[in-house]
Amino acid sequence: MYTQTQVTSGGEQSPSIELLKLITAYWGSQAVWVFAKLGIADLLKDGPQTTVHVAAQTRTHEASLYRLLRALATLGLLTELDGARFELKAMGASLRTDVPGSMRTPAVMFAEPWFWNTWGGLLHTVSTGQPAFDHVYGMPFFDYQLNLL
């Protein structure tokens, strides 16, 4: 698929691979959003748990949750242990609700559909100077929020 090498002669990743990481970065943010939205960090605060246990607590599909947790382990939020068990690493622990400076609220808010979809309107904003939110949702942000009440 890629014609350029993945590692340069100096040992760094090629510019194409670095760019690919930027292009696909939203995959990771969506995985973190699901993790935060489901409150999984709080479920793991007392130590490793099995995917079966976490799936039962979050009422999620076990096999799909396992793939999500493995992806989050590659991103540095979790460590996968034997027996399909996962434990929090420091980055994952910052999504707990009971820690000072918890990042759970920003992780949820910045990837909520209303926020996420607005970024899809960036080209409109750059082209016209008009707010992307208004373009995507047909009304200003605060009007939209009032309609949710």
C-alpha atoms as a PDB file:
ATOM      1  CA  MET A   1       0.000   0.000   0.000  1.00  0.00           C
ATOM      2  CA  TYR A   2       2.774   2.444   0.891  1.00  0.00           C
ATOM      3  CA  THR A   3       5.653   2.957  -1.479  1.00  0.00           C
ATOM      4  CA  GLN A   4       7.827   4.927   0.929  1.00  0.00           C
ATOM      5  CA  THR A   5       9.765   3.240   3.681  1.00  0.00           C
ATOM      6  CA  GLN A   6       8.332   3.523   7.163  1.00  0.00           C
ATOM      7  CA  VAL A   7      11.619   4.445   8.834  1.00  0.00           C
ATOM      8  CA  THR A   8      14.159   6.940   7.557  1.00  0.00           C
ATOM      9  CA  SER A   9      17.888   6.216   7.494  1.00  0.00           C
ATOM     10  CA  GLY A  10      18.191   8.309  10.674  1.00  0.00           C
ATOM     11  CA  GLY A  11      15.801   6.006  12.523  1.00  0.00           C
ATOM     12  CA  GLU A  12      12.800   8.361  12.544  1.00  0.00           C
ATOM     13  CA  GLN A  13       9.475   7.482  11.016  1.00  0.00           C
ATOM     14  CA  SER A  14       9.032   8.745   7.484  1.00  0.00           C
ATOM     15  CA  PRO A  15       7.055  11.951   6.901  1.00  0.00           C
ATOM     16  CA  SER A  16       4.364   9.865   5.179  1.00  0.00           C
ATOM     17  CA  ILE A  17       3.886   7.703   8.262  1.00  0.00           C
ATOM     18  CA  GLU A  18       3.838  10.753  10.531  1.00  0.00           C
ATOM     19  CA  LEU A  19       1.201  12.302   8.262  1.00  0.00           C
ATOM     20  CA  LEU A  20      -0.823   9.084   8.298  1.00  0.00           C
ATOM     21  CA  LYS A  21      -0.840   9.272  12.091  1.00  0.00           C
ATOM     22  CA  LEU A  22      -2.330  12.773  11.866  1.00  0.00           C
ATOM     23  CA  ILE A  23      -4.894  11.695   9.277  1.00  0.00           C
ATOM     24  CA  THR A  24      -6.119   8.826  11.448  1.00  0.00           C
ATOM     25  CA  ALA A  25      -5.777  10.548  14.828  1.00  0.00           C
ATOM     26  CA  TYR A  26      -9.542  10.796  15.183  1.00  0.00           C
ATOM     27  CA  TRP A  27      -9.692   7.003  15.555  1.00  0.00           C
ATOM     28  CA  GLY A  28      -7.859   7.336  18.856  1.00  0.00           C
ATOM     29  CA  SER A  29      -9.958  10.257  20.048  1.00  0.00           C
ATOM     30  CA  GLN A  30     -13.129   8.300  19.344  1.00  0.00           C
ATOM     31  CA  ALA A  31     -11.761   5.282  21.237  1.00  0.00           C
ATOM     32  CA  VAL A  32     -10.908   7.532  24.212  1.00  0.00           C
ATOM     33  CA  TRP A  33     -14.396   9.075  24.012  1.00  0.00           C
ATOM     34  CA  VAL A  34     -16.094   5.675  24.240  1.00  0.00           C
ATOM     35  CA  PHE A  35     -13.795   4.673  27.115  1.00  0.00           C
ATOM     36  CA  ALA A  36     -14.583   7.908  28.975  1.00  0.00           C
ATOM     37  CA  LYS A  37     -18.291   7.921  28.120  1.00  0.00           C
ATOM     38  CA  LEU A  38     -18.677   4.382  29.504  1.00  0.00           C
ATOM     39  CA  GLY A  39     -16.750   5.286  32.679  1.00  0.00           C
ATOM     40  CA  ILE A  40     -14.355   2.376  32.272  1.00  0.00           C
ATOM     41  CA  ALA A  41     -11.476   4.117  34.063  1.00  0.00           C
ATOM     42  CA  ASP A  42     -13.608   4.225  37.212  1.00  0.00           C
ATOM     43  CA  LEU A  43     -14.336   0.494  36.849  1.00  0.00           C
ATOM     44  CA  LEU A  44     -10.598  -0.240  36.729  1.00  0.00           C
ATOM     45  CA  LYS A  45      -9.525   2.047  39.576  1.00  0.00           C
ATOM     46  CA  ASP A  46      -9.186  -0.769  42.104  1.00  0.00           C
ATOM     47  CA  GLY A  47      -7.102  -2.983  39.833  1.00  0.00           C
ATOM     48  CA  PRO A  48      -7.239  -5.131  36.727  1.00  0.00           C
ATOM     49  CA  GLN A  49     -10.602  -6.417  35.527  1.00  0.00           C
ATOM     50  CA  THR A  50     -11.577  -8.909  32.867  1.00  0.00           C
ATOM     51  CA  THR A  51     -13.287  -7.841  29.692  1.00  0.00           C
ATOM     52  CA  VAL A  52     -16.226 -10.034  30.739  1.00  0.00           C
ATOM     53  CA  HIS A  53     -16.626  -8.039  33.967  1.00  0.00           C
ATOM     54  CA  VAL A  54     -16.262  -4.632  32.281  1.00  0.00           C
ATOM     55  CA  ALA A  55     -18.691  -5.608  29.499  1.00  0.00           C
ATOM     56  CA  ALA A  56     -21.271  -6.679  32.083  1.00  0.00           C
ATOM     57  CA  GLN A  57     -20.821  -3.435  34.050  1.00  0.00           C
ATOM     58  CA  THR A  58     -21.104  -1.257  30.941  1.00  0.00           C
ATOM     59  CA  ARG A  59     -23.727  -3.392  29.154  1.00  0.00           C
ATOM     60  CA  THR A  60     -21.549  -3.619  26.061  1.00  0.00           C
ATOM     61  CA  HIS A  61     -20.709  -6.338  23.553  1.00  0.00           C
ATOM     62  CA  GLU A  62     -17.812  -8.269  25.060  1.00  0.00           C
ATOM     63  CA  ALA A  63     -15.838  -8.996  21.873  1.00  0.00           C
ATOM     64  CA  SER A  64     -16.179  -5.420  20.631  1.00  0.00           C
ATOM     65  CA  LEU A  65     -15.202  -4.047  24.026  1.00  0.00           C
ATOM     66  CA  TYR A  66     -12.150  -6.315  24.062  1.00  0.00           C
ATOM     67  CA  ARG A  67     -11.008  -4.845  20.726  1.00  0.00           C
ATOM     68  CA  LEU A  68     -11.553  -1.321  22.066  1.00  0.00           C
ATOM     69  CA  LEU A  69      -9.539  -2.039  25.202  1.00  0.00           C
ATOM     70  CA  ARG A  70      -6.716  -3.562  23.149  1.00  0.00           C
ATOM     71  CA  ALA A  71      -6.667  -0.446  20.961  1.00  0.00           C
ATOM     72  CA  LEU A  72      -6.482   1.729  24.058  1.00  0.00           C
ATOM     73  CA  ALA A  73      -3.596  -0.387  25.317  1.00  0.00           C
ATOM     74  CA  THR A  74      -1.681   0.413  22.112  1.00  0.00           C
ATOM     75  CA  LEU A  75      -2.391   4.105  22.767  1.00  0.00           C
ATOM     76  CA  GLY A  76      -0.929   3.874  26.287  1.00  0.00           C
ATOM     77  CA  LEU A  77      -4.074   4.109  28.420  1.00  0.00           C
ATOM     78  CA  LEU A  78      -4.159   0.480  29.522  1.00  0.00           C
ATOM     79  CA  THR A  79      -1.998  -2.587  29.939  1.00  0.00           C
ATOM     80  CA  GLU A  80      -3.359  -5.896  28.733  1.00  0.00           C
ATOM     81  CA  LEU A  81      -2.675  -8.763  31.123  1.00  0.00           C
ATOM     82  CA  ASP A  82      -3.253 -12.488  30.755  1.00  0.00           C
ATOM     83  CA  GLY A  83      -6.847 -13.726  30.814  1.00  0.00           C
ATOM     84  CA  ALA A  84      -8.232 -10.741  28.851  1.00  0.00           C
ATOM     85  CA  ARG A  85      -7.673  -8.509  31.878  1.00  0.00           C
ATOM     86  CA  PHE A  86      -6.816  -4.837  31.644  1.00  0.00           C
ATOM     87  CA  GLU A  87      -5.337  -2.368  34.094  1.00  0.00           C
ATOM     88  CA  LEU A  88      -5.037   1.395  33.977  1.00  0.00           C
ATOM     89  CA  LYS A  89      -1.803   3.134  33.110  1.00  0.00           C
ATOM     90  CA  ALA A  90      -1.225   6.732  34.229  1.00  0.00           C
ATOM     91  CA  MET A  91      -2.827   8.240  31.109  1.00  0.00           C
ATOM     92  CA  GLY A  92      -5.920   6.054  31.471  1.00  0.00           C
ATOM     93  CA  ALA A  93      -6.136   6.869  35.186  1.00  0.00           C
ATOM     94  CA  SER A  94      -6.456  10.567  34.330  1.00  0.00           C
ATOM     95  CA  LEU A  95      -9.926   9.703  32.973  1.00  0.00           C
ATOM     96  CA  ARG A  96     -11.160   8.625  36.413  1.00  0.00           C
ATOM     97  CA  THR A  97     -13.789  10.931  37.873  1.00  0.00           C
ATOM     98  CA  ASP A  98     -12.224  10.929  41.348  1.00  0.00           C
ATOM     99  CA  VAL A  99      -8.764  12.267  40.488  1.00  0.00           C
ATOM    100  CA  PRO A 100      -7.717  15.908  40.652  1.00  0.00           C
ATOM    101  CA  GLY A 101      -7.625  17.390  37.170  1.00  0.00           C
ATOM    102  CA  SER A 102      -9.673  14.544  35.711  1.00  0.00           C
ATOM    103  CA  MET A 103      -9.724  14.620  31.916  1.00  0.00           C
ATOM    104  CA  ARG A 104     -12.988  12.686  31.642  1.00  0.00           C
ATOM    105  CA  THR A 105     -15.196  15.717  30.992  1.00  0.00           C
ATOM    106  CA  PRO A 106     -12.999  17.138  28.193  1.00  0.00           C
ATOM    107  CA  ALA A 107     -12.583  13.649  26.696  1.00  0.00           C
ATOM    108  CA  VAL A 108     -16.351  13.279  26.528  1.00  0.00           C
ATOM    109  CA  MET A 109     -17.225  16.837  25.494  1.00  0.00           C
ATOM    110  CA  PHE A 110     -14.647  17.249  22.731  1.00  0.00           C
ATOM    111  CA  ALA A 111     -15.792  14.062  20.989  1.00  0.00           C
ATOM    112  CA  GLU A 112     -19.558  14.412  21.450  1.00  0.00           C
ATOM    113  CA  PRO A 113     -21.306  14.354  18.069  1.00  0.00           C
ATOM    114  CA  TRP A 114     -22.394  18.013  18.250  1.00  0.00           C
ATOM    115  CA  PHE A 115     -18.767  19.091  18.832  1.00  0.00           C
ATOM    116  CA  TRP A 116     -17.225  16.520  16.502  1.00  0.00           C
ATOM    117  CA  ASN A 117     -19.546  17.290  13.580  1.00  0.00           C
ATOM    118  CA  THR A 118     -18.742  20.988  13.805  1.00  0.00           C
ATOM    119  CA  TRP A 119     -15.155  20.256  12.784  1.00  0.00           C
ATOM    120  CA  GLY A 120     -16.575  18.721   9.610  1.00  0.00           C
ATOM    121  CA  GLY A 121     -17.609  22.265   8.693  1.00  0.00           C
ATOM    122  CA  LEU A 122     -14.090  23.696   8.916  1.00  0.00           C
ATOM    123  CA  LEU A 123     -13.794  24.080   5.143  1.00  0.00           C
ATOM    124  CA  HIS A 124     -16.987  26.179   5.179  1.00  0.00           C
ATOM    125  CA  THR A 125     -15.527  28.465   7.866  1.00  0.00           C
ATOM    126  CA  VAL A 126     -12.207  28.860   6.089  1.00  0.00           C
ATOM    127  CA  SER A 127     -13.984  29.517   2.774  1.00  0.00           C
ATOM    128  CA  THR A 128     -16.638  31.938   4.033  1.00  0.00           C
ATOM    129  CA  GLY A 129     -15.556  33.225   7.430  1.00  0.00           C
ATOM    130  CA  GLN A 130     -18.884  32.025   8.845  1.00  0.00           C
ATOM    131  CA  PRO A 131     -19.062  29.784  11.928  1.00  0.00           C
ATOM    132  CA  ALA A 132     -18.980  26.088  11.102  1.00  0.00           C
ATOM    133  CA  PHE A 133     -21.468  25.317  13.865  1.00  0.00           C
ATOM    134  CA  ASP A 134     -24.110  27.581  12.332  1.00  0.00           C
ATOM    135  CA  HIS A 135     -23.543  25.976   8.936  1.00  0.00           C
ATOM    136  CA  VAL A 136     -23.701  22.388  10.210  1.00  0.00           C
ATOM    137  CA  TYR A 137     -26.645  22.827  12.598  1.00  0.00           C
ATOM    138  CA  GLY A 138     -28.528  25.710  10.978  1.00  0.00           C
ATOM    139  CA  MET A 139     -28.342  27.884  14.097  1.00  0.00           C
ATOM    140  CA  PRO A 140     -25.808  29.441  16.473  1.00  0.00           C
ATOM    141  CA  PHE A 141     -24.296  27.259  19.193  1.00  0.00           C
ATOM    142  CA  PHE A 142     -26.188  28.822  22.122  1.00  0.00           C
ATOM    143  CA  ASP A 143     -29.541  28.566  20.315  1.00  0.00           C
ATOM    144  CA  TYR A 144     -28.797  24.906  19.660  1.00  0.00           C
ATOM    145  CA  GLN A 145     -27.962  24.338  23.325  1.00  0.00           C
ATOM    146  CA  LEU A 146     -31.187  26.051  24.409  1.00  0.00           C
ATOM    147  CA  ASN A 147     -33.157  23.722  22.131  1.00  0.00           C
ATOM    148  CA  LEU A 148     -31.669  20.768  24.001  1.00  0.00           C
ATOM    149  CA  LEU A 149     -33.144  21.930  27.324  1.00  0.00           C
END
